Amino acid sequence: MNPSHRFFRNSATGWRNVALSAVLGLAFLTVVGCGGGGSSPSAIATLGQVQGKVEARSRGGDPFAPAAGEVSLQAGGAVRTGEDGHGQVKYLDGTEVALSPETYYEVKEQTTLGRQESGSGRYRVSPQKTTVEVETPHGVTAVLGTAFRLDVTATQTVVSLQEGKVRFTSPSRESVELTPGQQLTVTAGQPLGQPAELDPITLETLFNPGARLPGINQR
């Protein structure tokens, strides 16, 4: 064989090997980079106990879809309940948020538990090393570990406390602390007032909907 022919044939074979190696390397990087190799955000809460019309999105930017069974929620994930909808958001640390009908709730991260845009939510927050917050359109409720309720409309936020202690801070940086059995009504554009004391029956009704209350003897 002519030496020059052998040279060109060997060169062509070498280039084919280099090209094949490059393709295989690119494919490997693609698989590693897109295969969920730990860089994708992880779920921080789960939606469950769904009843009635409930829609959810797993993360911010996703479209809402009917919730069927459990739904994993990342930061930015959200839940909205219809007129007959109920659901429970449970965080990895055991914190629970029970959502009533016509409620919009978005999952946050780090020191902000979530944002309740509307409706009613009953919160049971596991003991925390640092303060965590729940946002509403009218201010922020800060907690360490407690059971409380938020009722939010376009013009008001009502904070009701069953256990522990919470602090509500308005956008103007006014703050009010609540102790168990108290309720604070916050009206948009108005200064914060003082908490009101709740009677035991009202408190039980707020935190245990549907519970059978003791009858009143009217004789």
N, C-alpha and C. Protein backbone atom coordinates (compact mmCIF):
# COMPACT_ATOMS: atom_id res chain seq x y z
N MET A 1 0.85 -1.20 0.00
CA MET A 1 0.00 0.00 0.00
C MET A 1 0.87 1.23 0.00
N ASN A 2 0.44 2.19 -0.75
CA ASN A 2 1.15 3.46 -0.81
C ASN A 2 1.16 4.09 0.57
N PRO A 3 2.36 4.49 1.11
CA PRO A 3 2.44 5.08 2.46
C PRO A 3 1.54 6.28 2.62
N SER A 4 1.39 7.07 1.56
CA SER A 4 0.54 8.26 1.69
C SER A 4 -0.91 7.86 1.88
N HIS A 5 -1.33 6.75 1.22
CA HIS A 5 -2.71 6.29 1.41
C HIS A 5 -2.92 5.81 2.84
N ARG A 6 -1.89 5.06 3.39
CA ARG A 6 -1.99 4.60 4.77
C ARG A 6 -2.09 5.78 5.73
N PHE A 7 -1.37 6.82 5.47
CA PHE A 7 -1.37 8.00 6.35
C PHE A 7 -2.75 8.64 6.39
N PHE A 8 -3.35 8.82 5.20
CA PHE A 8 -4.65 9.48 5.16
C PHE A 8 -5.73 8.61 5.79
N ARG A 9 -5.60 7.25 5.60
CA ARG A 9 -6.60 6.38 6.20
C ARG A 9 -6.52 6.42 7.72
N ASN A 10 -5.30 6.39 8.27
CA ASN A 10 -5.13 6.46 9.72
C ASN A 10 -5.63 7.80 10.27
N SER A 11 -5.37 8.87 9.52
CA SER A 11 -5.82 10.19 9.98
C SER A 11 -7.34 10.25 10.03
N ALA A 12 -7.99 9.70 9.02
CA ALA A 12 -9.46 9.71 8.99
C ALA A 12 -10.03 8.91 10.15
N THR A 13 -9.39 7.74 10.43
CA THR A 13 -9.85 6.93 11.56
C THR A 13 -9.71 7.68 12.87
N GLY A 14 -8.58 8.38 13.03
CA GLY A 14 -8.35 9.15 14.26
C GLY A 14 -9.37 10.25 14.45
N TRP A 15 -9.69 10.95 13.38
CA TRP A 15 -10.68 12.02 13.50
C TRP A 15 -12.07 11.47 13.83
N ARG A 16 -12.37 10.27 13.26
CA ARG A 16 -13.67 9.67 13.60
C ARG A 16 -13.74 9.32 15.08
N ASN A 17 -12.64 8.81 15.63
CA ASN A 17 -12.61 8.47 17.06
C ASN A 17 -12.78 9.71 17.93
N VAL A 18 -12.11 10.79 17.53
CA VAL A 18 -12.22 12.04 18.30
C VAL A 18 -13.65 12.55 18.27
N ALA A 19 -14.27 12.51 17.07
CA ALA A 19 -15.64 12.99 16.94
C ALA A 19 -16.60 12.15 17.77
N LEU A 20 -16.38 10.79 17.75
CA LEU A 20 -17.24 9.91 18.52
C LEU A 20 -17.11 10.19 20.02
N SER A 21 -15.88 10.41 20.49
CA SER A 21 -15.66 10.71 21.90
C SER A 21 -16.35 12.00 22.30
N ALA A 22 -16.29 12.99 21.42
CA ALA A 22 -16.94 14.28 21.72
C ALA A 22 -18.44 14.12 21.83
N VAL A 23 -19.03 13.33 20.92
CA VAL A 23 -20.48 13.12 20.96
C VAL A 23 -20.89 12.40 22.24
N LEU A 24 -20.13 11.35 22.61
CA LEU A 24 -20.44 10.61 23.82
C LEU A 24 -20.30 11.49 25.06
N GLY A 25 -19.26 12.33 25.07
CA GLY A 25 -19.07 13.24 26.20
C GLY A 25 -20.20 14.23 26.33
N LEU A 26 -20.66 14.77 25.21
CA LEU A 26 -21.78 15.71 25.24
C LEU A 26 -23.05 15.03 25.72
N ALA A 27 -23.26 13.79 25.28
CA ALA A 27 -24.45 13.07 25.72
C ALA A 27 -24.41 12.81 27.22
N PHE A 28 -23.22 12.48 27.74
CA PHE A 28 -23.07 12.24 29.18
C PHE A 28 -23.39 13.49 29.98
N LEU A 29 -22.85 14.64 29.52
CA LEU A 29 -23.10 15.89 30.22
C LEU A 29 -24.58 16.25 30.18
N THR A 30 -25.23 15.96 29.06
CA THR A 30 -26.65 16.27 28.94
C THR A 30 -27.47 15.45 29.92
N VAL A 31 -27.15 14.14 30.03
CA VAL A 31 -27.87 13.27 30.95
C VAL A 31 -27.67 13.71 32.38
N VAL A 32 -26.42 14.00 32.76
CA VAL A 32 -26.13 14.41 34.13
C VAL A 32 -26.80 15.74 34.44
N GLY A 33 -26.74 16.67 33.50
CA GLY A 33 -27.28 18.00 33.76
C GLY A 33 -28.78 18.03 33.82
N CYS A 34 -29.48 17.11 33.11
CA CYS A 34 -30.93 17.17 33.05
C CYS A 34 -31.59 16.04 33.83
N GLY A 35 -30.83 15.23 34.49
CA GLY A 35 -31.42 14.06 35.13
C GLY A 35 -31.77 14.26 36.58
N GLY A 36 -31.96 15.51 37.03
CA GLY A 36 -32.34 15.73 38.41
C GLY A 36 -31.20 15.43 39.34
N GLY A 37 -30.01 15.80 38.97
CA GLY A 37 -28.84 15.47 39.76
C GLY A 37 -28.66 16.34 40.98
N GLY A 38 -29.76 16.70 41.66
CA GLY A 38 -29.65 17.40 42.93
C GLY A 38 -29.71 18.90 42.81
N SER A 39 -29.69 19.46 41.61
CA SER A 39 -29.70 20.90 41.49
C SER A 39 -31.12 21.46 41.39
N SER A 40 -32.12 20.60 41.10
CA SER A 40 -33.48 21.08 40.98
C SER A 40 -34.06 21.35 42.36
N PRO A 41 -34.96 22.35 42.49
CA PRO A 41 -35.57 22.66 43.79
C PRO A 41 -36.33 21.46 44.31
N SER A 42 -36.34 21.28 45.61
CA SER A 42 -37.04 20.16 46.21
C SER A 42 -38.31 20.64 46.89
N ALA A 43 -39.25 19.73 47.09
CA ALA A 43 -40.51 20.07 47.72
C ALA A 43 -40.28 20.41 49.19
N ILE A 44 -40.97 21.43 49.68
CA ILE A 44 -40.87 21.81 51.09
C ILE A 44 -42.19 21.61 51.82
N ALA A 45 -43.24 21.26 51.08
CA ALA A 45 -44.55 21.02 51.69
C ALA A 45 -45.36 20.11 50.77
N THR A 46 -46.45 19.58 51.32
CA THR A 46 -47.34 18.71 50.56
C THR A 46 -48.78 19.12 50.82
N LEU A 47 -49.57 19.18 49.76
CA LEU A 47 -51.00 19.42 49.88
C LEU A 47 -51.71 18.08 49.97
N GLY A 48 -52.57 17.93 50.98
CA GLY A 48 -53.32 16.71 51.15
C GLY A 48 -54.69 17.00 51.75
N GLN A 49 -55.41 15.92 52.09
CA GLN A 49 -56.76 16.01 52.68
C GLN A 49 -57.66 16.92 51.84
N VAL A 50 -57.60 16.73 50.54
CA VAL A 50 -58.35 17.58 49.61
C VAL A 50 -59.82 17.16 49.57
N GLN A 51 -60.69 18.15 49.69
CA GLN A 51 -62.13 17.94 49.56
C GLN A 51 -62.71 19.05 48.70
N GLY A 52 -63.67 18.72 47.85
CA GLY A 52 -64.30 19.73 47.01
C GLY A 52 -63.35 20.24 45.94
N LYS A 53 -63.65 21.44 45.45
CA LYS A 53 -62.86 22.02 44.37
C LYS A 53 -61.59 22.67 44.92
N VAL A 54 -60.46 22.11 44.57
CA VAL A 54 -59.15 22.63 44.99
C VAL A 54 -58.22 22.57 43.79
N GLU A 55 -57.53 23.67 43.53
CA GLU A 55 -56.53 23.71 42.47
C GLU A 55 -55.18 24.06 43.07
N ALA A 56 -54.12 23.57 42.44
CA ALA A 56 -52.78 23.80 42.97
C ALA A 56 -51.77 23.91 41.84
N ARG A 57 -50.66 24.55 42.13
CA ARG A 57 -49.50 24.53 41.25
C ARG A 57 -48.31 24.13 42.10
N SER A 58 -47.43 23.31 41.56
CA SER A 58 -46.31 22.78 42.34
C SER A 58 -45.22 23.82 42.57
N ARG A 59 -45.06 24.76 41.65
CA ARG A 59 -44.02 25.78 41.79
C ARG A 59 -44.45 27.05 41.08
N GLY A 60 -43.78 28.14 41.39
CA GLY A 60 -44.11 29.41 40.78
C GLY A 60 -43.97 29.37 39.28
N GLY A 61 -44.93 29.95 38.58
CA GLY A 61 -44.89 29.97 37.12
C GLY A 61 -45.65 28.84 36.47
N ASP A 62 -45.91 27.76 37.23
CA ASP A 62 -46.70 26.65 36.67
C ASP A 62 -48.17 27.04 36.62
N PRO A 63 -48.93 26.48 35.69
CA PRO A 63 -50.38 26.73 35.68
C PRO A 63 -51.07 25.96 36.80
N PHE A 64 -52.20 26.47 37.26
CA PHE A 64 -52.98 25.76 38.25
C PHE A 64 -53.69 24.59 37.59
N ALA A 65 -53.84 23.50 38.36
CA ALA A 65 -54.53 22.31 37.87
C ALA A 65 -55.33 21.72 39.02
N PRO A 66 -56.43 21.01 38.73
CA PRO A 66 -57.20 20.38 39.81
C PRO A 66 -56.31 19.46 40.64
N ALA A 67 -56.45 19.55 41.95
CA ALA A 67 -55.63 18.73 42.85
C ALA A 67 -56.32 17.39 43.05
N ALA A 68 -55.61 16.34 42.68
CA ALA A 68 -56.11 14.98 42.87
C ALA A 68 -55.09 14.22 43.71
N GLY A 69 -55.46 13.87 44.92
CA GLY A 69 -54.50 13.23 45.80
C GLY A 69 -53.51 14.24 46.34
N GLU A 70 -52.33 13.76 46.73
CA GLU A 70 -51.32 14.65 47.29
C GLU A 70 -50.57 15.38 46.18
N VAL A 71 -50.20 16.63 46.47
CA VAL A 71 -49.45 17.45 45.53
C VAL A 71 -48.22 18.00 46.24
N SER A 72 -47.02 17.75 45.70
CA SER A 72 -45.79 18.30 46.26
C SER A 72 -45.69 19.78 45.91
N LEU A 73 -45.27 20.58 46.88
CA LEU A 73 -45.19 22.02 46.70
C LEU A 73 -43.78 22.52 46.95
N GLN A 74 -43.22 23.19 45.97
CA GLN A 74 -41.94 23.87 46.12
C GLN A 74 -42.20 25.32 46.49
N ALA A 75 -41.14 26.07 46.78
CA ALA A 75 -41.29 27.50 47.03
C ALA A 75 -41.92 28.14 45.80
N GLY A 76 -42.96 28.94 46.02
CA GLY A 76 -43.70 29.52 44.90
C GLY A 76 -44.92 28.71 44.51
N GLY A 77 -45.01 27.47 45.00
CA GLY A 77 -46.21 26.68 44.77
C GLY A 77 -47.38 27.30 45.52
N ALA A 78 -48.59 27.05 45.05
CA ALA A 78 -49.75 27.71 45.66
C ALA A 78 -50.98 26.82 45.57
N VAL A 79 -51.95 27.13 46.44
CA VAL A 79 -53.21 26.40 46.50
C VAL A 79 -54.35 27.41 46.51
N ARG A 80 -55.40 27.13 45.75
CA ARG A 80 -56.60 27.94 45.84
C ARG A 80 -57.81 27.02 45.92
N THR A 81 -58.68 27.32 46.87
CA THR A 81 -59.85 26.48 47.11
C THR A 81 -61.11 27.17 46.60
N GLY A 82 -62.06 26.36 46.12
CA GLY A 82 -63.32 26.88 45.63
C GLY A 82 -64.33 27.04 46.75
N GLU A 83 -65.59 27.23 46.38
CA GLU A 83 -66.64 27.48 47.36
C GLU A 83 -66.82 26.32 48.33
N ASP A 84 -66.53 25.11 47.89
CA ASP A 84 -66.67 23.94 48.75
C ASP A 84 -65.33 23.26 48.99
N GLY A 85 -64.24 23.97 48.73
CA GLY A 85 -62.92 23.35 48.78
C GLY A 85 -62.24 23.42 50.14
N HIS A 86 -61.59 22.33 50.50
CA HIS A 86 -60.77 22.27 51.72
C HIS A 86 -59.47 21.55 51.37
N GLY A 87 -58.41 21.86 52.10
CA GLY A 87 -57.14 21.18 51.92
C GLY A 87 -56.21 21.49 53.07
N GLN A 88 -55.17 20.70 53.19
CA GLN A 88 -54.18 20.92 54.24
C GLN A 88 -52.78 20.93 53.64
N VAL A 89 -52.04 22.00 53.93
CA VAL A 89 -50.64 22.10 53.52
C VAL A 89 -49.79 21.68 54.71
N LYS A 90 -48.95 20.67 54.51
CA LYS A 90 -48.09 20.17 55.59
C LYS A 90 -46.63 20.32 55.19
N TYR A 91 -45.85 21.01 56.04
CA TYR A 91 -44.44 21.24 55.78
C TYR A 91 -43.60 20.09 56.33
N LEU A 92 -42.33 20.05 55.92
CA LEU A 92 -41.45 18.96 56.32
C LEU A 92 -41.24 18.90 57.82
N ASP A 93 -41.33 20.06 58.51
CA ASP A 93 -41.11 20.07 59.96
C ASP A 93 -42.37 19.75 60.75
N GLY A 94 -43.46 19.42 60.06
CA GLY A 94 -44.71 19.07 60.72
C GLY A 94 -45.71 20.20 60.82
N THR A 95 -45.32 21.42 60.49
CA THR A 95 -46.24 22.55 60.50
C THR A 95 -47.40 22.29 59.54
N GLU A 96 -48.62 22.60 59.99
CA GLU A 96 -49.81 22.34 59.19
C GLU A 96 -50.63 23.62 59.00
N VAL A 97 -51.18 23.78 57.81
CA VAL A 97 -52.07 24.90 57.49
C VAL A 97 -53.34 24.31 56.88
N ALA A 98 -54.46 24.42 57.61
CA ALA A 98 -55.74 23.92 57.12
C ALA A 98 -56.45 25.05 56.38
N LEU A 99 -56.74 24.84 55.12
CA LEU A 99 -57.33 25.87 54.27
C LEU A 99 -58.83 25.65 54.11
N SER A 100 -59.59 26.71 54.36
CA SER A 100 -61.04 26.69 54.22
C SER A 100 -61.44 27.10 52.80
N PRO A 101 -62.74 27.06 52.49
CA PRO A 101 -63.18 27.46 51.14
C PRO A 101 -62.78 28.89 50.78
N GLU A 102 -62.58 29.09 49.47
CA GLU A 102 -62.26 30.39 48.88
C GLU A 102 -61.02 31.02 49.52
N THR A 103 -59.97 30.23 49.61
CA THR A 103 -58.70 30.67 50.19
C THR A 103 -57.59 30.53 49.16
N TYR A 104 -56.69 31.51 49.15
CA TYR A 104 -55.50 31.46 48.29
C TYR A 104 -54.27 31.48 49.19
N TYR A 105 -53.43 30.46 49.06
CA TYR A 105 -52.24 30.35 49.90
C TYR A 105 -51.03 29.98 49.05
N GLU A 106 -49.93 30.72 49.24
CA GLU A 106 -48.69 30.46 48.50
C GLU A 106 -47.58 30.05 49.46
N VAL A 107 -46.86 29.00 49.11
CA VAL A 107 -45.76 28.49 49.92
C VAL A 107 -44.51 29.34 49.69
N LYS A 108 -43.87 29.72 50.79
CA LYS A 108 -42.62 30.48 50.71
C LYS A 108 -41.48 29.61 51.24
N GLU A 109 -40.33 30.23 51.53
CA GLU A 109 -39.20 29.47 52.04
C GLU A 109 -38.40 30.32 53.01
N GLN A 110 -37.42 29.69 53.66
CA GLN A 110 -36.55 30.32 54.64
C GLN A 110 -37.39 30.82 55.81
N THR A 111 -37.35 32.11 56.14
CA THR A 111 -38.05 32.59 57.34
C THR A 111 -39.50 32.96 57.08
N THR A 112 -39.96 32.88 55.85
CA THR A 112 -41.37 33.15 55.54
C THR A 112 -42.06 31.85 55.20
N LEU A 113 -43.04 31.48 56.06
CA LEU A 113 -43.75 30.22 55.86
C LEU A 113 -44.59 30.26 54.59
N GLY A 114 -45.34 31.35 54.42
CA GLY A 114 -46.18 31.46 53.24
C GLY A 114 -46.88 32.80 53.20
N ARG A 115 -47.72 32.97 52.19
CA ARG A 115 -48.52 34.18 52.04
C ARG A 115 -49.97 33.77 51.83
N GLN A 116 -50.84 34.27 52.71
CA GLN A 116 -52.27 34.03 52.57
C GLN A 116 -52.90 35.28 51.97
N GLU A 117 -53.31 35.16 50.73
CA GLU A 117 -53.84 36.31 50.00
C GLU A 117 -55.31 36.55 50.31
N SER A 118 -56.05 35.48 50.62
CA SER A 118 -57.48 35.62 50.90
C SER A 118 -57.96 34.37 51.62
N GLY A 119 -59.20 34.46 52.15
CA GLY A 119 -59.82 33.30 52.77
C GLY A 119 -59.39 33.06 54.20
N SER A 120 -59.58 31.81 54.65
CA SER A 120 -59.31 31.44 56.04
C SER A 120 -58.33 30.27 56.11
N GLY A 121 -57.35 30.40 57.01
CA GLY A 121 -56.37 29.35 57.23
C GLY A 121 -56.13 29.16 58.71
N ARG A 122 -56.11 27.90 59.16
CA ARG A 122 -55.82 27.59 60.56
C ARG A 122 -54.41 27.00 60.62
N TYR A 123 -53.55 27.62 61.39
CA TYR A 123 -52.13 27.29 61.41
C TYR A 123 -51.76 26.59 62.72
N ARG A 124 -51.02 25.50 62.58
CA ARG A 124 -50.40 24.87 63.75
C ARG A 124 -48.91 24.75 63.41
N VAL A 125 -48.13 25.69 63.97
CA VAL A 125 -46.72 25.82 63.62
C VAL A 125 -45.87 25.05 64.62
N SER A 126 -45.04 24.14 64.13
CA SER A 126 -44.12 23.40 65.00
C SER A 126 -43.14 24.35 65.65
N PRO A 127 -42.65 24.02 66.86
CA PRO A 127 -41.67 24.90 67.52
C PRO A 127 -40.48 25.20 66.62
N GLN A 128 -40.11 26.47 66.56
CA GLN A 128 -39.04 26.94 65.68
C GLN A 128 -37.90 27.53 66.50
N LYS A 129 -36.67 27.40 65.97
CA LYS A 129 -35.51 28.03 66.61
C LYS A 129 -35.50 29.54 66.36
N THR A 130 -36.00 29.95 65.21
CA THR A 130 -36.09 31.36 64.88
C THR A 130 -37.51 31.68 64.44
N THR A 131 -37.85 32.95 64.47
CA THR A 131 -39.19 33.38 64.10
C THR A 131 -39.47 33.12 62.63
N VAL A 132 -40.65 32.59 62.35
CA VAL A 132 -41.11 32.46 60.97
C VAL A 132 -42.32 33.37 60.79
N GLU A 133 -42.60 33.73 59.54
CA GLU A 133 -43.63 34.72 59.27
C GLU A 133 -44.65 34.20 58.26
N VAL A 134 -45.85 34.74 58.38
CA VAL A 134 -46.89 34.51 57.38
C VAL A 134 -47.34 35.88 56.88
N GLU A 135 -47.28 36.07 55.58
CA GLU A 135 -47.64 37.36 54.99
C GLU A 135 -49.13 37.39 54.63
N THR A 136 -49.73 38.58 54.75
CA THR A 136 -51.06 38.87 54.21
C THR A 136 -50.98 40.22 53.51
N PRO A 137 -52.00 40.61 52.76
CA PRO A 137 -51.94 41.93 52.12
C PRO A 137 -51.86 43.09 53.10
N HIS A 138 -52.21 42.84 54.39
CA HIS A 138 -52.28 43.94 55.35
C HIS A 138 -51.19 43.89 56.41
N GLY A 139 -50.26 42.95 56.30
CA GLY A 139 -49.17 42.88 57.26
C GLY A 139 -48.63 41.47 57.41
N VAL A 140 -47.78 41.31 58.42
CA VAL A 140 -47.05 40.06 58.63
C VAL A 140 -47.30 39.55 60.05
N THR A 141 -47.60 38.26 60.18
CA THR A 141 -47.74 37.62 61.48
C THR A 141 -46.49 36.78 61.74
N ALA A 142 -45.80 37.08 62.85
CA ALA A 142 -44.56 36.38 63.19
C ALA A 142 -44.81 35.41 64.34
N VAL A 143 -44.28 34.18 64.22
CA VAL A 143 -44.52 33.15 65.23
C VAL A 143 -43.25 32.35 65.48
N LEU A 144 -43.22 31.68 66.65
CA LEU A 144 -42.15 30.74 66.97
C LEU A 144 -42.68 29.30 66.98
N GLY A 145 -43.90 29.14 67.34
CA GLY A 145 -44.54 27.83 67.43
C GLY A 145 -45.87 28.03 68.12
N THR A 146 -46.95 27.82 67.41
CA THR A 146 -48.24 28.24 67.96
C THR A 146 -49.38 27.72 67.11
N ALA A 147 -50.60 27.96 67.56
CA ALA A 147 -51.81 27.65 66.79
C ALA A 147 -52.60 28.94 66.64
N PHE A 148 -52.77 29.38 65.41
CA PHE A 148 -53.50 30.62 65.17
C PHE A 148 -54.28 30.51 63.87
N ARG A 149 -55.10 31.52 63.63
CA ARG A 149 -55.95 31.53 62.44
C ARG A 149 -55.89 32.90 61.79
N LEU A 150 -55.90 32.91 60.45
CA LEU A 150 -55.96 34.15 59.68
C LEU A 150 -57.20 34.12 58.79
N ASP A 151 -57.97 35.20 58.84
CA ASP A 151 -59.10 35.41 57.94
C ASP A 151 -58.83 36.68 57.15
N VAL A 152 -58.73 36.56 55.83
CA VAL A 152 -58.28 37.67 54.99
C VAL A 152 -59.33 38.01 53.94
N THR A 153 -59.68 39.30 53.86
CA THR A 153 -60.51 39.81 52.78
C THR A 153 -59.74 40.92 52.08
N ALA A 154 -60.38 41.58 51.14
CA ALA A 154 -59.70 42.65 50.41
C ALA A 154 -59.37 43.83 51.31
N THR A 155 -60.11 44.01 52.40
CA THR A 155 -59.91 45.19 53.25
C THR A 155 -59.45 44.88 54.66
N GLN A 156 -59.51 43.61 55.07
CA GLN A 156 -59.19 43.28 56.46
C GLN A 156 -58.39 41.99 56.58
N THR A 157 -57.61 41.92 57.65
CA THR A 157 -57.01 40.67 58.11
C THR A 157 -57.38 40.51 59.58
N VAL A 158 -57.92 39.36 59.94
CA VAL A 158 -58.27 39.07 61.33
C VAL A 158 -57.37 37.95 61.83
N VAL A 159 -56.63 38.22 62.91
CA VAL A 159 -55.72 37.25 63.51
C VAL A 159 -56.35 36.74 64.80
N SER A 160 -56.54 35.43 64.91
CA SER A 160 -57.09 34.82 66.12
C SER A 160 -56.07 33.83 66.66
N LEU A 161 -55.80 33.88 67.97
CA LEU A 161 -54.74 33.05 68.56
C LEU A 161 -55.32 32.05 69.54
N GLN A 162 -54.97 30.78 69.33
CA GLN A 162 -55.40 29.72 70.24
C GLN A 162 -54.31 29.36 71.23
N GLU A 163 -53.08 29.20 70.75
CA GLU A 163 -51.96 28.80 71.62
C GLU A 163 -50.73 29.62 71.28
N GLY A 164 -49.83 29.78 72.27
CA GLY A 164 -48.56 30.44 72.03
C GLY A 164 -48.68 31.95 72.01
N LYS A 165 -47.84 32.59 71.20
CA LYS A 165 -47.83 34.05 71.10
C LYS A 165 -47.44 34.43 69.68
N VAL A 166 -48.11 35.45 69.14
CA VAL A 166 -47.78 35.93 67.81
C VAL A 166 -47.65 37.45 67.84
N ARG A 167 -46.96 37.96 66.86
CA ARG A 167 -46.82 39.42 66.71
C ARG A 167 -47.22 39.79 65.29
N PHE A 168 -48.14 40.72 65.18
CA PHE A 168 -48.57 41.21 63.86
C PHE A 168 -47.93 42.56 63.60
N THR A 169 -47.35 42.72 62.41
CA THR A 169 -46.70 43.97 62.02
C THR A 169 -47.32 44.48 60.73
N SER A 170 -47.76 45.74 60.74
CA SER A 170 -48.39 46.35 59.58
C SER A 170 -47.33 46.87 58.61
N PRO A 171 -47.72 47.22 57.38
CA PRO A 171 -46.76 47.80 56.44
C PRO A 171 -46.10 49.08 56.95
N SER A 172 -46.78 49.79 57.87
CA SER A 172 -46.19 51.01 58.44
C SER A 172 -45.32 50.72 59.65
N ARG A 173 -45.06 49.42 59.91
CA ARG A 173 -44.16 48.94 60.97
C ARG A 173 -44.77 49.06 62.36
N GLU A 174 -46.07 49.27 62.49
CA GLU A 174 -46.73 49.15 63.79
C GLU A 174 -46.81 47.66 64.15
N SER A 175 -46.67 47.35 65.44
CA SER A 175 -46.71 45.96 65.87
C SER A 175 -47.63 45.79 67.07
N VAL A 176 -48.31 44.65 67.10
CA VAL A 176 -49.16 44.29 68.23
C VAL A 176 -48.93 42.81 68.53
N GLU A 177 -48.75 42.48 69.81
CA GLU A 177 -48.60 41.08 70.21
C GLU A 177 -49.91 40.55 70.75
N LEU A 178 -50.19 39.28 70.44
CA LEU A 178 -51.39 38.62 70.92
C LEU A 178 -51.01 37.48 71.85
N THR A 179 -51.86 37.25 72.85
CA THR A 179 -51.73 36.10 73.74
C THR A 179 -52.93 35.19 73.51
N PRO A 180 -52.89 33.94 74.00
CA PRO A 180 -53.96 32.99 73.71
C PRO A 180 -55.34 33.52 74.07
N GLY A 181 -56.29 33.26 73.17
CA GLY A 181 -57.66 33.70 73.39
C GLY A 181 -57.95 35.09 72.90
N GLN A 182 -57.01 35.72 72.20
CA GLN A 182 -57.21 37.08 71.71
C GLN A 182 -57.39 37.09 70.19
N GLN A 183 -58.00 38.18 69.72
CA GLN A 183 -58.23 38.37 68.29
C GLN A 183 -57.94 39.82 67.91
N LEU A 184 -57.21 40.00 66.82
CA LEU A 184 -56.87 41.34 66.32
C LEU A 184 -57.47 41.52 64.94
N THR A 185 -58.23 42.62 64.76
CA THR A 185 -58.79 42.95 63.46
C THR A 185 -58.01 44.11 62.86
N VAL A 186 -57.44 43.89 61.68
CA VAL A 186 -56.62 44.89 61.00
C VAL A 186 -57.35 45.35 59.75
N THR A 187 -57.58 46.65 59.65
CA THR A 187 -58.27 47.23 58.50
C THR A 187 -57.28 48.02 57.66
N ALA A 188 -57.31 47.81 56.37
CA ALA A 188 -56.37 48.48 55.47
C ALA A 188 -56.44 49.99 55.63
N GLY A 189 -55.28 50.63 55.76
CA GLY A 189 -55.21 52.07 55.85
C GLY A 189 -55.50 52.64 57.21
N GLN A 190 -55.80 51.78 58.20
CA GLN A 190 -56.12 52.25 59.55
C GLN A 190 -55.02 51.83 60.52
N PRO A 191 -54.79 52.63 61.59
CA PRO A 191 -53.80 52.23 62.60
C PRO A 191 -54.24 50.96 63.32
N LEU A 192 -53.28 50.23 63.84
CA LEU A 192 -53.60 49.00 64.56
C LEU A 192 -54.31 49.32 65.87
N GLY A 193 -55.33 48.54 66.18
CA GLY A 193 -56.00 48.67 67.46
C GLY A 193 -55.44 47.67 68.46
N GLN A 194 -56.20 47.43 69.52
CA GLN A 194 -55.80 46.47 70.53
C GLN A 194 -56.55 45.16 70.35
N PRO A 195 -55.95 44.04 70.71
CA PRO A 195 -56.63 42.76 70.57
C PRO A 195 -57.87 42.68 71.47
N ALA A 196 -58.86 41.94 71.02
CA ALA A 196 -60.06 41.69 71.81
C ALA A 196 -60.00 40.28 72.39
N GLU A 197 -60.62 40.10 73.55
CA GLU A 197 -60.68 38.79 74.18
C GLU A 197 -61.83 37.99 73.59
N LEU A 198 -61.58 36.73 73.27
CA LEU A 198 -62.60 35.85 72.72
C LEU A 198 -63.17 34.96 73.82
N ASP A 199 -64.48 34.74 73.79
CA ASP A 199 -65.06 33.81 74.75
C ASP A 199 -64.75 32.38 74.32
N PRO A 200 -64.77 31.42 75.24
CA PRO A 200 -64.36 30.05 74.93
C PRO A 200 -65.16 29.41 73.79
N ILE A 201 -66.45 29.70 73.70
CA ILE A 201 -67.26 29.08 72.65
C ILE A 201 -66.85 29.60 71.27
N THR A 202 -66.64 30.92 71.17
CA THR A 202 -66.20 31.49 69.90
C THR A 202 -64.84 30.93 69.50
N LEU A 203 -63.94 30.80 70.48
CA LEU A 203 -62.61 30.27 70.21
C LEU A 203 -62.68 28.84 69.70
N GLU A 204 -63.52 28.03 70.33
CA GLU A 204 -63.68 26.64 69.91
C GLU A 204 -64.26 26.56 68.50
N THR A 205 -65.20 27.43 68.19
CA THR A 205 -65.81 27.44 66.86
C THR A 205 -64.80 27.81 65.79
N LEU A 206 -63.92 28.76 66.09
CA LEU A 206 -62.93 29.21 65.11
C LEU A 206 -61.91 28.13 64.78
N PHE A 207 -61.51 27.35 65.79
CA PHE A 207 -60.41 26.41 65.58
C PHE A 207 -60.86 24.96 65.41
N ASN A 208 -62.11 24.68 65.71
CA ASN A 208 -62.63 23.33 65.51
C ASN A 208 -63.99 23.42 64.83
N PRO A 209 -64.01 23.82 63.56
CA PRO A 209 -65.29 23.95 62.85
C PRO A 209 -66.04 22.62 62.84
N GLY A 210 -67.32 22.68 63.13
CA GLY A 210 -68.12 21.47 63.13
C GLY A 210 -68.13 20.74 64.46
N ALA A 211 -67.34 21.22 65.42
CA ALA A 211 -67.31 20.56 66.73
C ALA A 211 -68.65 20.76 67.44
N ARG A 212 -69.07 19.76 68.18
CA ARG A 212 -70.31 19.86 68.93
C ARG A 212 -70.05 20.65 70.20
N LEU A 213 -70.72 21.76 70.32
CA LEU A 213 -70.55 22.61 71.50
C LEU A 213 -71.58 22.23 72.55
N PRO A 214 -71.25 22.43 73.83
CA PRO A 214 -72.21 22.11 74.89
C PRO A 214 -73.47 22.95 74.75
N GLY A 215 -74.62 22.30 74.93
CA GLY A 215 -75.88 23.01 74.82
C GLY A 215 -76.09 23.94 76.00
N ILE A 216 -76.95 24.91 75.81
CA ILE A 216 -77.25 25.88 76.86
C ILE A 216 -78.63 25.56 77.42
N ASN A 217 -78.68 25.31 78.70
CA ASN A 217 -79.95 25.02 79.36
C ASN A 217 -80.70 26.33 79.56
N GLN A 218 -81.81 26.50 78.87
CA GLN A 218 -82.54 27.75 78.92
C GLN A 218 -83.72 27.71 79.89
N ARG A 219 -83.79 26.68 80.72
CA ARG A 219 -84.89 26.61 81.67
C ARG A 219 -84.74 27.67 82.75
